[in-house]
Amino acid sequence: MRPKSDVTRNKASVAEVIALLAACDSDFSPPLSERQDIPSYAKRLCERGERFEHWNAERLVGLVAIYCVTPKGAPAFITNVSVHGDYRGRGIGDTLLGAALDHARNRGFTHVALESDAGATPALKLYRKHGFVQQQARGATLVMQLRL
C-alpha cells in the first residue's frame, strides 16, 4: 500500500533529521553511528542535500536524501534512505525514493548512484524495484546505479 502524496521536501529541521537517523541507527549494517557522526551528517544533509520526507502528524518518520551537486555528467547520489521501524511496510520508502529520482531526472541527471550493504535485503529489493543495478562490490558494500 503506497501512501498518498504525503511527501514534503526540505521541511525537517536538523534536530528532526537527527531524531529519525538515531531511531534508525541500528537498522544500518554496520550501524550508521559507526560510520557517521549522526549530528554532523544530519547537518550536511540539511545544508547540501535535497530531502524527501514523510511525516506522521508532526513527527518525521521517513527520509530519502539525495545530493544533486555533482559535476555535469556525474550521477546524483542517494546518501540516505531511512524509514522509522514503526512505519515500515507501508510504501513510504518506495514513495520517497520515487520522488527523489523524479527530482534528479527533472534536474537533468542521467544517472543516480547509491551504496548499500550487501546483506540489506529489504533495501536492495527496493533499489532493484526502481531499476538500480550493481556496478561493483567493495567488500560488503555494493555500489549501485540507475540510468534515468
C-alpha atoms as a PDB file:
ATOM      1  CA  MET A   1       0.000   0.000   0.000  1.00  0.00           C
ATOM      2  CA  ARG A   2       1.579   3.282  -1.103  1.00  0.00           C
ATOM      3  CA  PRO A   3       0.939   6.369   0.971  1.00  0.00           C
ATOM      4  CA  LYS A   4      -0.813   9.192  -0.821  1.00  0.00           C
ATOM      5  CA  SER A   5       1.138  12.317  -1.605  1.00  0.00           C
ATOM      6  CA  ASP A   6       2.449  12.762   1.931  1.00  0.00           C
ATOM      7  CA  VAL A   7       5.840  13.821   0.611  1.00  0.00           C
ATOM      8  CA  THR A   8       7.354  17.100   1.696  1.00  0.00           C
ATOM      9  CA  ARG A   9      10.691  18.476   0.638  1.00  0.00           C
ATOM     10  CA  ASN A  10      13.288  20.057   2.885  1.00  0.00           C
ATOM     11  CA  LYS A  11      10.841  20.754   5.719  1.00  0.00           C
ATOM     12  CA  ALA A  12      12.649  18.903   8.524  1.00  0.00           C
ATOM     13  CA  SER A  13      14.991  20.688  10.877  1.00  0.00           C
ATOM     14  CA  VAL A  14      18.430  19.313  11.684  1.00  0.00           C
ATOM     15  CA  ALA A  15      17.079  18.153  15.065  1.00  0.00           C
ATOM     16  CA  GLU A  16      14.224  16.256  13.391  1.00  0.00           C
ATOM     17  CA  VAL A  17      16.628  14.561  10.963  1.00  0.00           C
ATOM     18  CA  ILE A  18      18.922  13.638  13.870  1.00  0.00           C
ATOM     19  CA  ALA A  19      15.970  12.073  15.723  1.00  0.00           C
ATOM     20  CA  LEU A  20      14.993   9.921  12.726  1.00  0.00           C
ATOM     21  CA  LEU A  21      18.567   8.846  11.966  1.00  0.00           C
ATOM     22  CA  ALA A  22      19.135   7.949  15.621  1.00  0.00           C
ATOM     23  CA  ALA A  23      15.906   5.900  15.661  1.00  0.00           C
ATOM     24  CA  CYS A  24      17.053   4.048  12.517  1.00  0.00           C
ATOM     25  CA  ASP A  25      20.728   3.754  13.543  1.00  0.00           C
ATOM     26  CA  SER A  26      20.811   0.026  14.228  1.00  0.00           C
ATOM     27  CA  ASP A  27      18.867  -0.733  11.016  1.00  0.00           C
ATOM     28  CA  PHE A  28      22.019   0.050   9.041  1.00  0.00           C
ATOM     29  CA  SER A  29      24.799  -2.506   8.719  1.00  0.00           C
ATOM     30  CA  PRO A  30      27.112  -1.543  10.256  1.00  0.00           C
ATOM     31  CA  PRO A  31      25.094   0.915  12.375  1.00  0.00           C
ATOM     32  CA  LEU A  32      25.068   4.408  10.922  1.00  0.00           C
ATOM     33  CA  SER A  33      26.699   5.823  14.056  1.00  0.00           C
ATOM     34  CA  GLU A  34      29.755   3.631  13.431  1.00  0.00           C
ATOM     35  CA  ARG A  35      30.265   5.284  10.036  1.00  0.00           C
ATOM     36  CA  GLN A  36      28.984   8.800  10.607  1.00  0.00           C
ATOM     37  CA  ASP A  37      28.681  11.284  13.428  1.00  0.00           C
ATOM     38  CA  ILE A  38      24.875  11.488  13.228  1.00  0.00           C
ATOM     39  CA  PRO A  39      24.520  15.191  14.201  1.00  0.00           C
ATOM     40  CA  SER A  40      27.196  16.259  11.688  1.00  0.00           C
ATOM     41  CA  TYR A  41      25.711  14.017   8.990  1.00  0.00           C
ATOM     42  CA  ALA A  42      22.213  15.393   9.600  1.00  0.00           C
ATOM     43  CA  LYS A  43      23.558  18.933   9.320  1.00  0.00           C
ATOM     44  CA  ARG A  44      25.243  18.112   5.973  1.00  0.00           C
ATOM     45  CA  LEU A  45      22.019  16.561   4.688  1.00  0.00           C
ATOM     46  CA  CYS A  46      20.117  19.707   5.591  1.00  0.00           C
ATOM     47  CA  GLU A  47      22.730  22.046   4.133  1.00  0.00           C
ATOM     48  CA  ARG A  48      23.649  20.220   0.909  1.00  0.00           C
ATOM     49  CA  GLY A  49      21.082  17.545   0.206  1.00  0.00           C
ATOM     50  CA  GLU A  50      17.576  17.508  -1.111  1.00  0.00           C
ATOM     51  CA  ARG A  51      15.411  15.733   1.439  1.00  0.00           C
ATOM     52  CA  PHE A  52      12.165  13.990   0.608  1.00  0.00           C
ATOM     53  CA  GLU A  53      10.248  13.439   3.813  1.00  0.00           C
ATOM     54  CA  HIS A  54       7.223  11.619   5.174  1.00  0.00           C
ATOM     55  CA  TRP A  55       5.540  12.787   8.357  1.00  0.00           C
ATOM     56  CA  ASN A  56       3.105  11.290  10.826  1.00  0.00           C
ATOM     57  CA  ALA A  57       1.462  14.352  12.350  1.00  0.00           C
ATOM     58  CA  GLU A  58       4.492  16.432  13.365  1.00  0.00           C
ATOM     59  CA  ARG A  59       6.960  13.515  13.502  1.00  0.00           C
ATOM     60  CA  LEU A  60       9.443  12.810  10.711  1.00  0.00           C
ATOM     61  CA  VAL A  61       9.135   9.071  10.014  1.00  0.00           C
ATOM     62  CA  GLY A  62      10.693   8.700   6.558  1.00  0.00           C
ATOM     63  CA  LEU A  63      13.533  10.336   4.671  1.00  0.00           C
ATOM     64  CA  VAL A  64      15.367   9.935   1.379  1.00  0.00           C
ATOM     65  CA  ALA A  65      18.277  12.323   0.909  1.00  0.00           C
ATOM     66  CA  ILE A  66      19.944  12.885  -2.451  1.00  0.00           C
ATOM     67  CA  TYR A  67      22.920  15.001  -3.450  1.00  0.00           C
ATOM     68  CA  CYS A  68      22.361  16.742  -6.772  1.00  0.00           C
ATOM     69  CA  VAL A  69      25.530  18.820  -6.554  1.00  0.00           C
ATOM     70  CA  THR A  70      27.872  16.591  -8.547  1.00  0.00           C
ATOM     71  CA  PRO A  71      29.724  17.841 -11.634  1.00  0.00           C
ATOM     72  CA  LYS A  72      27.981  17.670 -15.004  1.00  0.00           C
ATOM     73  CA  GLY A  73      27.945  14.097 -16.277  1.00  0.00           C
ATOM     74  CA  ALA A  74      28.393  12.560 -12.811  1.00  0.00           C
ATOM     75  CA  PRO A  75      25.465  10.768 -11.173  1.00  0.00           C
ATOM     76  CA  ALA A  76      23.300  12.256  -8.447  1.00  0.00           C
ATOM     77  CA  PHE A  77      23.867  10.318  -5.230  1.00  0.00           C
ATOM     78  CA  ILE A  78      21.298   8.867  -2.839  1.00  0.00           C
ATOM     79  CA  THR A  79      23.021   9.215   0.510  1.00  0.00           C
ATOM     80  CA  ASN A  80      20.293   8.075   2.884  1.00  0.00           C
ATOM     81  CA  VAL A  81      17.079   6.079   2.917  1.00  0.00           C
ATOM     82  CA  SER A  82      15.521   5.833   6.379  1.00  0.00           C
ATOM     83  CA  VAL A  83      12.045   4.798   7.499  1.00  0.00           C
ATOM     84  CA  HIS A  84      11.244   4.531  11.199  1.00  0.00           C
ATOM     85  CA  GLY A  85      10.631   0.898  12.173  1.00  0.00           C
ATOM     86  CA  ASP A  86       7.052   1.577  13.285  1.00  0.00           C
ATOM     87  CA  TYR A  87       6.194   2.759   9.742  1.00  0.00           C
ATOM     88  CA  ARG A  88       7.877   0.154   7.538  1.00  0.00           C
ATOM     89  CA  GLY A  89       5.892  -1.925   5.096  1.00  0.00           C
ATOM     90  CA  ARG A  90       3.604   0.960   4.138  1.00  0.00           C
ATOM     91  CA  GLY A  91       5.352   2.002   0.924  1.00  0.00           C
ATOM     92  CA  ILE A  92       6.923   5.099   2.432  1.00  0.00           C
ATOM     93  CA  GLY A  93      10.468   4.310   1.262  1.00  0.00           C
ATOM     94  CA  ASP A  94       9.154   3.455  -2.206  1.00  0.00           C
ATOM     95  CA  THR A  95       7.275   6.750  -2.492  1.00  0.00           C
ATOM     96  CA  LEU A  96      10.153   8.858  -1.158  1.00  0.00           C
ATOM     97  CA  LEU A  97      12.720   7.155  -3.384  1.00  0.00           C
ATOM     98  CA  GLY A  98      10.461   7.710  -6.404  1.00  0.00           C
ATOM     99  CA  ALA A  99      10.177  11.417  -5.528  1.00  0.00           C
ATOM    100  CA  ALA A 100      13.958  11.747  -5.212  1.00  0.00           C
ATOM    101  CA  LEU A 101      14.516  10.014  -8.559  1.00  0.00           C
ATOM    102  CA  ASP A 102      11.941  12.269 -10.235  1.00  0.00           C
ATOM    103  CA  HIS A 103      13.759  15.265  -8.783  1.00  0.00           C
ATOM    104  CA  ALA A 104      17.122  14.101 -10.166  1.00  0.00           C
ATOM    105  CA  ARG A 105      15.551  13.441 -13.577  1.00  0.00           C
ATOM    106  CA  ASN A 106      13.964  16.912 -13.583  1.00  0.00           C
ATOM    107  CA  ARG A 107      17.343  18.444 -12.702  1.00  0.00           C
ATOM    108  CA  GLY A 108      18.840  16.858 -15.836  1.00  0.00           C
ATOM    109  CA  PHE A 109      20.737  13.976 -14.274  1.00  0.00           C
ATOM    110  CA  THR A 110      21.042  10.858 -16.412  1.00  0.00           C
ATOM    111  CA  HIS A 111      22.209   8.538 -13.605  1.00  0.00           C
ATOM    112  CA  VAL A 112      21.715   8.119  -9.874  1.00  0.00           C
ATOM    113  CA  ALA A 113      24.106   6.113  -7.692  1.00  0.00           C
ATOM    114  CA  LEU A 114      23.947   4.755  -4.158  1.00  0.00           C
ATOM    115  CA  GLU A 115      25.788   2.384  -1.870  1.00  0.00           C
ATOM    116  CA  SER A 116      24.187  -0.393   0.160  1.00  0.00           C
ATOM    117  CA  ASP A 117      25.305  -3.172   2.422  1.00  0.00           C
ATOM    118  CA  ALA A 118      25.181  -6.486   0.550  1.00  0.00           C
ATOM    119  CA  GLY A 119      23.137  -8.003   3.372  1.00  0.00           C
ATOM    120  CA  ALA A 120      20.468  -5.289   3.427  1.00  0.00           C
ATOM    121  CA  THR A 121      17.874  -7.449   1.701  1.00  0.00           C
ATOM    122  CA  PRO A 122      14.819  -5.153   2.075  1.00  0.00           C
ATOM    123  CA  ALA A 123      16.804  -2.119   0.900  1.00  0.00           C
ATOM    124  CA  LEU A 124      18.252  -3.996  -2.066  1.00  0.00           C
ATOM    125  CA  LYS A 125      14.768  -5.189  -3.024  1.00  0.00           C
ATOM    126  CA  LEU A 126      13.555  -1.570  -3.018  1.00  0.00           C
ATOM    127  CA  TYR A 127      16.513  -0.355  -5.082  1.00  0.00           C
ATOM    128  CA  ARG A 128      16.140  -3.141  -7.634  1.00  0.00           C
ATOM    129  CA  LYS A 129      12.399  -2.440  -7.880  1.00  0.00           C
ATOM    130  CA  HIS A 130      13.327   1.078  -9.013  1.00  0.00           C
ATOM    131  CA  GLY A 131      15.825  -0.289 -11.543  1.00  0.00           C
ATOM    132  CA  PHE A 132      19.144   0.075  -9.734  1.00  0.00           C
ATOM    133  CA  VAL A 133      21.780  -2.437 -10.807  1.00  0.00           C
ATOM    134  CA  GLN A 134      25.005  -3.376  -9.101  1.00  0.00           C
ATOM    135  CA  GLN A 135      28.073  -1.745 -10.626  1.00  0.00           C
ATOM    136  CA  GLN A 136      30.711  -3.075  -8.245  1.00  0.00           C
ATOM    137  CA  ALA A 137      31.284  -4.511  -4.794  1.00  0.00           C
ATOM    138  CA  ARG A 138      33.723  -3.103  -2.264  1.00  0.00           C
ATOM    139  CA  GLY A 139      33.823  -5.696   0.460  1.00  0.00           C
ATOM    140  CA  ALA A 140      30.308  -5.870   1.890  1.00  0.00           C
ATOM    141  CA  THR A 141      29.309  -2.603   0.192  1.00  0.00           C
ATOM    142  CA  LEU A 142      27.526  -2.681  -3.152  1.00  0.00           C
ATOM    143  CA  VAL A 143      27.735   0.308  -5.460  1.00  0.00           C
ATOM    144  CA  MET A 144      24.504   0.512  -7.465  1.00  0.00           C
ATOM    145  CA  GLN A 145      23.430   2.783 -10.283  1.00  0.00           C
ATOM    146  CA  LEU A 146      20.250   3.648 -12.121  1.00  0.00           C
ATOM    147  CA  ARG A 147      20.066   5.102 -15.600  1.00  0.00           C
ATOM    148  CA  LEU A 148      17.233   7.628 -15.668  1.00  0.00           C
END
